[in-house]
Protein backbone atom coordinates (compact mmCIF):
# COMPACT_ATOMS: atom_id res chain seq x y z
CA UNK A 1 107.86 68.86 113.52
CA UNK A 2 107.51 71.61 110.62
CA UNK A 3 109.06 74.39 113.06
CA UNK A 4 112.35 72.16 114.38
CA UNK A 5 112.34 71.54 109.60
CA UNK A 6 112.55 75.04 109.69
CA UNK A 7 115.23 75.79 111.76
CA UNK A 8 117.07 72.90 109.93
CA UNK A 9 116.94 74.49 106.46
CA UNK A 10 118.15 78.07 107.96
CA UNK A 11 121.23 76.28 110.22
CA UNK A 12 122.40 74.44 106.88
CA UNK A 13 121.39 77.05 104.77
CA UNK A 14 123.59 79.61 107.45
CA UNK A 15 126.46 76.76 107.15
CA UNK A 16 127.41 76.88 103.18
CA UNK A 17 127.01 80.58 103.06
CA UNK A 18 130.08 82.46 101.94
CA UNK A 19 131.67 84.60 104.35
CA UNK A 20 131.08 88.78 103.45
CA UNK A 21 134.64 89.97 103.16
CA UNK A 22 136.29 90.79 106.05
CA UNK A 23 134.99 87.66 108.06
CA UNK A 24 137.19 85.51 108.84
CA UNK A 25 138.22 82.44 108.21
CA UNK A 26 140.02 79.71 109.75
CA UNK A 27 142.39 78.63 107.90
CA UNK A 28 141.64 74.76 108.43
CA UNK A 29 138.93 73.42 110.69
CA UNK A 30 138.94 72.64 113.89
CA UNK A 31 139.40 68.43 114.48
CA UNK A 32 140.22 65.46 115.74
CA UNK A 33 141.86 62.99 113.75
CA UNK A 34 143.53 59.25 113.55
CA UNK A 35 146.40 57.45 111.53
CA UNK A 36 144.74 54.48 112.32
CA UNK A 37 140.91 53.25 113.49
CA UNK A 38 139.74 52.98 116.83
CA UNK A 39 141.36 49.49 118.89
CA UNK A 40 139.30 50.29 121.99
CA UNK A 41 135.68 52.44 122.72
CA UNK A 42 137.26 55.71 124.73
CA UNK A 43 139.54 56.50 121.06
CA UNK A 44 135.93 56.27 118.90
CA UNK A 45 134.92 59.74 117.26
CA UNK A 46 131.86 60.37 120.06
CA UNK A 47 128.66 62.43 117.30
CA UNK A 48 125.41 62.65 117.96
CA UNK A 49 122.80 64.92 118.68
CA UNK A 50 122.73 64.80 122.36
CA UNK A 51 119.31 62.22 122.51
CA UNK A 52 121.35 60.04 120.04
CA UNK A 53 124.44 59.53 120.22
CA UNK A 54 127.64 57.21 118.08
CA UNK A 55 130.95 55.91 119.06
CA UNK A 56 132.72 55.76 115.20
CA UNK A 57 135.79 53.51 115.49
CA UNK A 58 136.71 53.98 111.98
CA UNK A 59 137.87 50.79 110.14
CA UNK A 60 138.41 50.32 106.70
CA UNK A 61 137.45 46.68 105.82
CA UNK A 62 135.33 45.66 109.47
CA UNK A 63 133.80 49.02 110.55
CA UNK A 64 131.74 49.55 113.78
CA UNK A 65 129.79 52.51 115.44
CA UNK A 66 128.20 51.80 118.89
CA UNK A 67 125.17 53.69 119.31
CA UNK A 68 122.40 54.73 122.67
CA UNK A 69 119.66 56.67 122.85
CA UNK A 70 119.20 59.18 126.19
CA UNK A 71 116.64 56.89 127.44
CA UNK A 72 118.63 53.07 128.01
CA UNK A 73 120.05 53.15 130.97
CA UNK A 74 120.06 51.55 133.85
CA UNK A 75 116.82 52.07 136.76
CA UNK A 76 114.13 54.76 136.20
CA UNK A 77 113.94 58.41 135.89
CA UNK A 78 114.41 59.79 139.90
CA UNK A 79 115.03 63.83 141.65
CA UNK A 80 119.17 63.79 142.50
CA UNK A 81 118.82 67.02 144.28
CA UNK A 82 118.22 66.48 147.69
CA UNK A 83 115.49 68.11 149.76
CA UNK A 84 117.05 71.07 151.98
CA UNK A 85 120.77 71.56 150.79
CA UNK A 86 120.45 74.94 149.61
CA UNK A 87 119.77 75.02 153.54
CA UNK A 88 123.29 73.91 154.05
CA UNK A 89 124.65 76.07 151.42
CA UNK A 90 126.39 79.05 153.05
CA UNK A 91 127.42 76.72 156.57
CA UNK A 92 129.77 74.35 153.87
CA UNK A 93 130.62 78.18 151.83
CA UNK A 94 132.02 78.93 155.96
CA UNK A 95 134.14 76.18 156.20
CA UNK A 96 135.95 76.07 152.89
CA UNK A 97 136.58 80.01 153.38
CA UNK A 98 137.99 79.38 156.71
CA UNK A 99 140.30 75.96 155.15
CA UNK A 100 137.90 73.64 156.86
CA UNK A 101 138.36 71.02 154.03
CA UNK A 102 137.66 67.90 155.87
CA UNK A 103 134.04 69.34 157.55
CA UNK A 104 133.12 71.11 154.30
CA UNK A 105 133.39 67.79 152.88
CA UNK A 106 132.00 65.42 155.81
CA UNK A 107 128.71 68.63 156.13
CA UNK A 108 128.09 67.76 152.16
CA UNK A 109 128.46 64.76 152.19
CA UNK A 110 125.41 63.61 154.95
CA UNK A 111 123.29 67.44 153.57
CA UNK A 112 123.92 68.66 150.18
CA UNK A 113 125.10 65.57 147.85
CA UNK A 114 122.99 64.36 145.54
CA UNK A 115 121.49 60.38 146.80
CA UNK A 116 122.73 58.67 146.06
CA UNK A 117 125.52 59.71 145.24
CA UNK A 118 126.08 58.01 141.98
CA UNK A 119 124.34 58.52 138.52
CA UNK A 120 122.87 55.50 136.78
CA UNK A 121 124.74 54.43 134.57
CA UNK A 122 123.98 54.38 129.73
CA UNK A 123 123.50 51.52 128.58
CA UNK A 124 124.74 50.80 124.32
CA UNK A 125 121.72 50.84 122.17
CA UNK A 126 123.35 49.22 119.43
CA UNK A 127 126.02 48.22 118.15
CA UNK A 128 126.21 48.52 114.32
CA UNK A 129 128.91 46.02 112.32
CA UNK A 130 129.95 46.67 108.50
CA UNK A 131 131.70 43.98 106.97
CA UNK A 132 132.94 45.54 103.26
CA UNK A 133 133.25 43.85 100.80
CA UNK A 134 136.60 44.64 97.83
CA UNK A 135 138.17 45.14 100.47
CA UNK A 136 142.02 44.04 100.98
CA UNK A 137 142.62 44.31 104.27
CA UNK A 138 146.18 43.86 103.71
CA UNK A 139 147.05 46.60 101.21
CA UNK A 140 144.77 49.65 102.74
CA UNK A 141 146.84 52.27 102.97
CA UNK A 142 146.72 56.80 103.80
CA UNK A 143 144.62 55.83 106.29
CA UNK A 144 142.92 58.60 108.51
CA UNK A 145 140.17 59.40 110.12
CA UNK A 146 139.16 62.82 111.27
CA UNK A 147 136.04 64.24 113.40
CA UNK A 148 135.65 68.20 111.76
CA UNK A 149 134.32 69.91 115.38
CA UNK A 150 133.10 72.51 113.42
CA UNK A 151 130.02 70.59 110.94
CA UNK A 152 130.12 67.25 113.93
CA UNK A 153 131.09 64.60 111.05
CA UNK A 154 133.03 61.50 111.46
CA UNK A 155 135.29 60.77 108.06
CA UNK A 156 136.87 57.57 107.34
CA UNK A 157 140.06 57.89 104.06
CA UNK A 158 142.05 55.49 102.79
CA UNK A 159 143.18 54.05 99.57
CA UNK A 160 142.81 50.13 99.06
CA UNK A 161 145.89 49.05 95.92
CA UNK A 162 146.69 51.86 95.06
CA UNK A 163 142.83 52.51 94.99
CA UNK A 164 141.32 55.38 96.35
CA UNK A 165 137.65 53.84 99.35
CA UNK A 166 134.96 55.96 98.91
CA UNK A 167 134.89 57.98 102.45
CA UNK A 168 132.61 57.06 104.96
CA UNK A 169 130.79 59.39 106.50
CA UNK A 170 129.13 59.64 110.26
CA UNK A 171 126.77 62.70 110.28
CA UNK A 172 125.22 64.60 113.11
CA UNK A 173 121.99 65.49 111.84
CA UNK A 174 119.25 68.44 114.21
CA UNK A 175 116.77 64.93 114.25
CA UNK A 176 119.27 62.27 114.86
CA UNK A 177 122.46 60.71 113.11
CA UNK A 178 122.96 58.76 109.73
CA UNK A 179 125.62 56.72 107.68
CA UNK A 180 126.79 58.44 104.50
CA UNK A 181 128.79 56.90 102.04
């Protein structure tokens, strides 16, 4: 625990350190950005650390964060490696180099591919729904949601009735993710 905390502090210190003279600094950070909230899961912004993950939908008045944890999935732990598969690798490669694709696929399907072929599905752990008071949804303007790919911070910015909204930020941290405002 102490090592992890020290590592996180060291990484944070490096992230805010001033670049040395001659260092290359990107003109703009690499990011994904959108001018409307996500209406479906594939449009949401992903944040996470490999064990905890979330999809940030970015609504100005009604926001949704769907989250997951690595142990939430259908089935039970399973070893997908097929015993003895390596014995067939050379033969499969030889067939592919001889342009005998169908024979290579058939051999691989029977002796090389995992059993079962498909991995079990991850399931959502839950949805956090945020209903923000004091904002008129019809007065929202200058909307922008963004995922900074360098810092792993998802930010939603907008104005409501001419008043800037407090940016809502979802940050990936070393020990998980948290909602920040």
